[in-house]
Every structure is written in structure tokens, then in C-alpha cells.
């Protein structure tokens, strides 16, 4: 019997070097029949990582069951190269045709601990939805509080409301 909680398509993740594993993955995996992740290797330049991600992404977008959700896990680096690679990946996810692109882009800032870094990720989300009036895609930004060694495993998440591209 098929699991009716699954959505069609693939859950696609791109995790930068040093990004934390998304705590919400357990829940997301229950909604996906297929999960694929591309992880940046230690020392790999941001642009080379973006190229690898986009190669895999383009192959999935043309598949019979294209991705329905794209998760971009970020690290704490905001140098020009990292920022440009993030923009490139986010725009590629949002720029896919409506019939084969994700219904949701999640920008995961699990390691971002200060307001300035979190603000930069929120600004990226805002830039993605600005002027998008005819898309049914959502952009969501998620953070988590820093975890201390004494904090229980069921840590709280700080979640920003989804930015709906209407």
C-alpha cells in the first residue's frame, strides 16, 4: 500500500561545508519518496560546490518526478564567493519552470547565531520573492537556537513565517 503522506518528487538538499544537519529532516523525510543531498567537501570553493549542485539539480528537474522541495543549508561564511554561490543556487531553484520546480525553497541557517547573519539570510529570501507575483512557490527561512551540551535533545526551533510568492 502506498504511503499517502508522500508528495510527488524528490526532496533535494545542498549543504555547505560546516552547515548543521537540518533538525527537521526526520519530518521532511516522511513526506518524500526520494531524498538526495549534495554536501560541500572540505576546502571546496563555493563556486565549484554550486556547479556540482546545479549539475545534479538540472538532472533532477528533467526527471519524471522532479524535486518538490529544495533545502539550502548554509554555514556562517558571508564572503563574496559564498554569498554569490547561495544567490545562484536559490535563484536556480526559484527559476525552474512551474511544472518541474520545487514548491518550496527552505533556507536553513542552523549555525547562524547572530542577528546580522540571520538578517542576511532573510534578505536573500526577500530578494527571491520580490516581484514574483504569479508563482505558487514558498520560501521559508529556518534557524535554530544554539545548542548547549546541557540542553535537552528536543531543542526549540525559531522559525520565520513562510514568505509566500503569490
C-alpha atoms as a PDB file:
ATOM      1  CA  UNK A   1       0.000   0.000   0.000  1.00  0.00           C
ATOM      2  CA  UNK A   2       1.367   3.416  -0.944  1.00  0.00           C
ATOM      3  CA  UNK A   3       2.099   5.953   1.747  1.00  0.00           C
ATOM      4  CA  UNK A   4      -0.360   8.771   1.087  1.00  0.00           C
ATOM      5  CA  UNK A   5       1.761  11.235   3.084  1.00  0.00           C
ATOM      6  CA  UNK A   6       4.377  11.266   0.323  1.00  0.00           C
ATOM      7  CA  UNK A   7       4.333  14.101  -2.134  1.00  0.00           C
ATOM      8  CA  UNK A   8       5.426  13.502  -5.687  1.00  0.00           C
ATOM      9  CA  UNK A   9       9.059  14.042  -6.409  1.00  0.00           C
ATOM     10  CA  UNK A  10      12.329  14.362  -4.603  1.00  0.00           C
ATOM     11  CA  UNK A  11      13.467  16.268  -1.544  1.00  0.00           C
ATOM     12  CA  UNK A  12      16.752  17.869  -2.649  1.00  0.00           C
ATOM     13  CA  UNK A  13      19.333  19.242  -0.223  1.00  0.00           C
ATOM     14  CA  UNK A  14      22.530  21.236  -0.757  1.00  0.00           C
ATOM     15  CA  UNK A  15      24.593  21.559   2.426  1.00  0.00           C
ATOM     16  CA  UNK A  16      27.569  23.883   2.606  1.00  0.00           C
ATOM     17  CA  UNK A  17      30.709  22.783   4.454  1.00  0.00           C
ATOM     18  CA  UNK A  18      30.112  23.436   8.144  1.00  0.00           C
ATOM     19  CA  UNK A  19      26.330  23.659   7.837  1.00  0.00           C
ATOM     20  CA  UNK A  20      24.489  21.786  10.525  1.00  0.00           C
ATOM     21  CA  UNK A  21      22.271  18.861   9.590  1.00  0.00           C
ATOM     22  CA  UNK A  22      18.681  20.153   9.450  1.00  0.00           C
ATOM     23  CA  UNK A  23      16.909  19.113  12.633  1.00  0.00           C
ATOM     24  CA  UNK A  24      13.604  18.986  10.760  1.00  0.00           C
ATOM     25  CA  UNK A  25      14.909  16.337   8.331  1.00  0.00           C
ATOM     26  CA  UNK A  26      13.181  13.494  10.142  1.00  0.00           C
ATOM     27  CA  UNK A  27       9.827  15.137   9.468  1.00  0.00           C
ATOM     28  CA  UNK A  28      10.673  16.048   5.856  1.00  0.00           C
ATOM     29  CA  UNK A  29      11.842  12.522   5.026  1.00  0.00           C
ATOM     30  CA  UNK A  30       8.380  11.228   5.924  1.00  0.00           C
ATOM     31  CA  UNK A  31       6.944  13.321   3.083  1.00  0.00           C
ATOM     32  CA  UNK A  32       9.433  12.279   0.412  1.00  0.00           C
ATOM     33  CA  UNK A  33       9.839   9.096  -1.536  1.00  0.00           C
ATOM     34  CA  UNK A  34      13.367  10.096  -2.522  1.00  0.00           C
ATOM     35  CA  UNK A  35      15.905  12.271  -0.693  1.00  0.00           C
ATOM     36  CA  UNK A  36      19.083  13.437  -2.391  1.00  0.00           C
ATOM     37  CA  UNK A  37      21.808  15.579  -0.865  1.00  0.00           C
ATOM     38  CA  UNK A  38      24.931  17.252  -2.196  1.00  0.00           C
ATOM     39  CA  UNK A  39      27.431  18.165   0.519  1.00  0.00           C
ATOM     40  CA  UNK A  40      30.321  20.562   0.049  1.00  0.00           C
ATOM     41  CA  UNK A  41      33.633  18.818   0.575  1.00  0.00           C
ATOM     42  CA  UNK A  42      36.226  20.345   2.933  1.00  0.00           C
ATOM     43  CA  UNK A  43      38.102  23.118   1.154  1.00  0.00           C
ATOM     44  CA  UNK A  44      35.906  23.020  -1.960  1.00  0.00           C
ATOM     45  CA  UNK A  45      35.405  26.557  -3.319  1.00  0.00           C
ATOM     46  CA  UNK A  46      31.843  27.867  -3.092  1.00  0.00           C
ATOM     47  CA  UNK A  47      31.533  28.258  -6.865  1.00  0.00           C
ATOM     48  CA  UNK A  48      32.707  24.680  -7.519  1.00  0.00           C
ATOM     49  CA  UNK A  49      30.164  23.463  -4.967  1.00  0.00           C
ATOM     50  CA  UNK A  50      27.413  25.490  -6.662  1.00  0.00           C
ATOM     51  CA  UNK A  51      28.413  23.981 -10.026  1.00  0.00           C
ATOM     52  CA  UNK A  52      28.126  20.426  -8.602  1.00  0.00           C
ATOM     53  CA  UNK A  53      24.767  21.203  -7.012  1.00  0.00           C
ATOM     54  CA  UNK A  54      23.383  22.725 -10.197  1.00  0.00           C
ATOM     55  CA  UNK A  55      24.532  19.769 -12.288  1.00  0.00           C
ATOM     56  CA  UNK A  56      22.595  17.403 -10.033  1.00  0.00           C
ATOM     57  CA  UNK A  57      19.675  19.830  -9.784  1.00  0.00           C
ATOM     58  CA  UNK A  58      19.294  20.137 -13.564  1.00  0.00           C
ATOM     59  CA  UNK A  59      19.283  16.346 -13.911  1.00  0.00           C
ATOM     60  CA  UNK A  60      16.535  16.075 -11.304  1.00  0.00           C
ATOM     61  CA  UNK A  61      14.421  18.877 -12.749  1.00  0.00           C
ATOM     62  CA  UNK A  62      14.166  16.957 -16.033  1.00  0.00           C
ATOM     63  CA  UNK A  63      13.304  13.668 -14.282  1.00  0.00           C
ATOM     64  CA  UNK A  64       9.833  12.175 -14.324  1.00  0.00           C
ATOM     65  CA  UNK A  65       9.364  13.069 -10.653  1.00  0.00           C
ATOM     66  CA  UNK A  66      11.159  16.397 -10.222  1.00  0.00           C
ATOM     67  CA  UNK A  67      12.060  17.813  -6.797  1.00  0.00           C
ATOM     68  CA  UNK A  68       9.234  19.297  -4.786  1.00  0.00           C
ATOM     69  CA  UNK A  69      11.414  20.885  -2.093  1.00  0.00           C
ATOM     70  CA  UNK A  70      14.924  22.371  -2.154  1.00  0.00           C
ATOM     71  CA  UNK A  71      16.789  22.801   1.150  1.00  0.00           C
ATOM     72  CA  UNK A  72      19.880  25.016   1.108  1.00  0.00           C
ATOM     73  CA  UNK A  73      21.865  24.545   4.322  1.00  0.00           C
ATOM     74  CA  UNK A  74      24.218  27.448   4.971  1.00  0.00           C
ATOM     75  CA  UNK A  75      27.299  27.932   7.096  1.00  0.00           C
ATOM     76  CA  UNK A  76      28.480  31.093   8.850  1.00  0.00           C
ATOM     77  CA  UNK A  77      30.589  32.434   5.968  1.00  0.00           C
ATOM     78  CA  UNK A  78      29.341  35.559   4.201  1.00  0.00           C
ATOM     79  CA  UNK A  79      32.323  36.292   1.965  1.00  0.00           C
ATOM     80  CA  UNK A  80      31.607  37.400  -1.600  1.00  0.00           C
ATOM     81  CA  UNK A  81      32.098  33.939  -3.095  1.00  0.00           C
ATOM     82  CA  UNK A  82      29.796  32.172  -0.606  1.00  0.00           C
ATOM     83  CA  UNK A  83      27.123  34.837  -0.922  1.00  0.00           C
ATOM     84  CA  UNK A  84      27.212  34.726  -4.727  1.00  0.00           C
ATOM     85  CA  UNK A  85      27.003  30.903  -4.739  1.00  0.00           C
ATOM     86  CA  UNK A  86      23.975  30.987  -2.399  1.00  0.00           C
ATOM     87  CA  UNK A  87      22.208  33.508  -4.602  1.00  0.00           C
ATOM     88  CA  UNK A  88      22.954  31.422  -7.668  1.00  0.00           C
ATOM     89  CA  UNK A  89      21.558  28.239  -6.090  1.00  0.00           C
ATOM     90  CA  UNK A  90      18.467  29.952  -4.692  1.00  0.00           C
ATOM     91  CA  UNK A  91      17.700  31.676  -7.998  1.00  0.00           C
ATOM     92  CA  UNK A  92      18.124  28.379  -9.874  1.00  0.00           C
ATOM     93  CA  UNK A  93      15.649  26.694  -7.536  1.00  0.00           C
ATOM     94  CA  UNK A  94      13.136  29.520  -7.829  1.00  0.00           C
ATOM     95  CA  UNK A  95      13.693  29.912 -11.568  1.00  0.00           C
ATOM     96  CA  UNK A  96      12.725  26.380 -12.557  1.00  0.00           C
ATOM     97  CA  UNK A  97       9.582  26.017 -14.636  1.00  0.00           C
ATOM     98  CA  UNK A  98       6.416  25.848 -12.535  1.00  0.00           C
ATOM     99  CA  UNK A  99       5.661  22.326 -13.721  1.00  0.00           C
ATOM    100  CA  UNK A 100       9.046  20.945 -12.673  1.00  0.00           C
ATOM    101  CA  UNK A 101      10.433  23.156  -9.928  1.00  0.00           C
ATOM    102  CA  UNK A 102      10.133  22.907  -6.176  1.00  0.00           C
ATOM    103  CA  UNK A 103       7.005  24.086  -4.429  1.00  0.00           C
ATOM    104  CA  UNK A 104       9.176  25.230  -1.549  1.00  0.00           C
ATOM    105  CA  UNK A 105      12.688  26.545  -1.015  1.00  0.00           C
ATOM    106  CA  UNK A 106      13.978  26.259   2.546  1.00  0.00           C
ATOM    107  CA  UNK A 107      16.968  28.376   3.517  1.00  0.00           C
ATOM    108  CA  UNK A 108      18.435  26.590   6.541  1.00  0.00           C
ATOM    109  CA  UNK A 109      20.604  28.758   8.786  1.00  0.00           C
ATOM    110  CA  UNK A 110      21.106  26.301  11.626  1.00  0.00           C
ATOM    111  CA  UNK A 111      24.553  27.655  12.513  1.00  0.00           C
ATOM    112  CA  UNK A 112      23.690  31.340  12.230  1.00  0.00           C
ATOM    113  CA  UNK A 113      23.777  32.675  15.755  1.00  0.00           C
ATOM    114  CA  UNK A 114      23.768  36.439  15.470  1.00  0.00           C
ATOM    115  CA  UNK A 115      21.121  38.772  14.139  1.00  0.00           C
ATOM    116  CA  UNK A 116      23.345  40.190  11.385  1.00  0.00           C
ATOM    117  CA  UNK A 117      23.960  36.755   9.828  1.00  0.00           C
ATOM    118  CA  UNK A 118      20.302  35.807  10.184  1.00  0.00           C
ATOM    119  CA  UNK A 119      19.325  39.133   8.600  1.00  0.00           C
ATOM    120  CA  UNK A 120      21.462  38.366   5.552  1.00  0.00           C
ATOM    121  CA  UNK A 121      19.660  35.064   5.031  1.00  0.00           C
ATOM    122  CA  UNK A 122      16.294  36.796   5.435  1.00  0.00           C
ATOM    123  CA  UNK A 123      17.399  39.448   2.918  1.00  0.00           C
ATOM    124  CA  UNK A 124      18.186  36.686   0.412  1.00  0.00           C
ATOM    125  CA  UNK A 125      14.698  35.269   0.923  1.00  0.00           C
ATOM    126  CA  UNK A 126      13.170  38.699   0.458  1.00  0.00           C
ATOM    127  CA  UNK A 127      15.094  39.255  -2.761  1.00  0.00           C
ATOM    128  CA  UNK A 128      13.851  35.926  -4.098  1.00  0.00           C
ATOM    129  CA  UNK A 129      10.177  36.753  -3.631  1.00  0.00           C
ATOM    130  CA  UNK A 130      10.352  40.410  -4.595  1.00  0.00           C
ATOM    131  CA  UNK A 131       8.411  40.961  -7.793  1.00  0.00           C
ATOM    132  CA  UNK A 132       7.269  37.330  -8.001  1.00  0.00           C
ATOM    133  CA  UNK A 133       3.523  37.714  -8.332  1.00  0.00           C
ATOM    134  CA  UNK A 134       2.468  34.651 -10.307  1.00  0.00           C
ATOM    135  CA  UNK A 135       4.387  31.832  -8.646  1.00  0.00           C
ATOM    136  CA  UNK A 136       2.885  29.349  -6.207  1.00  0.00           C
ATOM    137  CA  UNK A 137       6.266  28.663  -4.582  1.00  0.00           C
ATOM    138  CA  UNK A 138       7.070  29.289  -0.937  1.00  0.00           C
ATOM    139  CA  UNK A 139      10.347  30.454   0.528  1.00  0.00           C
ATOM    140  CA  UNK A 140      10.949  29.560   4.144  1.00  0.00           C
ATOM    141  CA  UNK A 141      13.853  30.564   6.384  1.00  0.00           C
ATOM    142  CA  UNK A 142      14.613  28.381   9.396  1.00  0.00           C
ATOM    143  CA  UNK A 143      17.027  28.912  12.287  1.00  0.00           C
ATOM    144  CA  UNK A 144      17.671  27.056  15.479  1.00  0.00           C
ATOM    145  CA  UNK A 145      18.900  28.297  18.776  1.00  0.00           C
ATOM    146  CA  UNK A 146      22.489  27.454  19.675  1.00  0.00           C
ATOM    147  CA  UNK A 147      22.590  24.109  21.424  1.00  0.00           C
ATOM    148  CA  UNK A 148      24.417  23.772  24.678  1.00  0.00           C
ATOM    149  CA  UNK A 149      25.741  20.470  25.911  1.00  0.00           C
ATOM    150  CA  UNK A 150      23.235  20.516  28.744  1.00  0.00           C
ATOM    151  CA  UNK A 151      20.218  21.413  26.601  1.00  0.00           C
ATOM    152  CA  UNK A 152      17.718  18.574  26.091  1.00  0.00           C
ATOM    153  CA  UNK A 153      17.544  16.891  22.693  1.00  0.00           C
ATOM    154  CA  UNK A 154      14.133  18.342  21.939  1.00  0.00           C
ATOM    155  CA  UNK A 155      15.528  21.810  21.284  1.00  0.00           C
ATOM    156  CA  UNK A 156      13.265  24.576  20.084  1.00  0.00           C
ATOM    157  CA  UNK A 157      13.361  25.904  16.561  1.00  0.00           C
ATOM    158  CA  UNK A 158      12.987  29.559  15.703  1.00  0.00           C
ATOM    159  CA  UNK A 159      11.007  29.633  12.505  1.00  0.00           C
ATOM    160  CA  UNK A 160      10.224  32.606  10.361  1.00  0.00           C
ATOM    161  CA  UNK A 161       6.830  32.613   8.696  1.00  0.00           C
ATOM    162  CA  UNK A 162       6.939  31.339   5.117  1.00  0.00           C
ATOM    163  CA  UNK A 163       7.204  34.061   2.519  1.00  0.00           C
ATOM    164  CA  UNK A 164       4.507  33.166   0.025  1.00  0.00           C
ATOM    165  CA  UNK A 165       5.186  34.043  -3.569  1.00  0.00           C
ATOM    166  CA  UNK A 166       1.696  34.863  -4.673  1.00  0.00           C
END
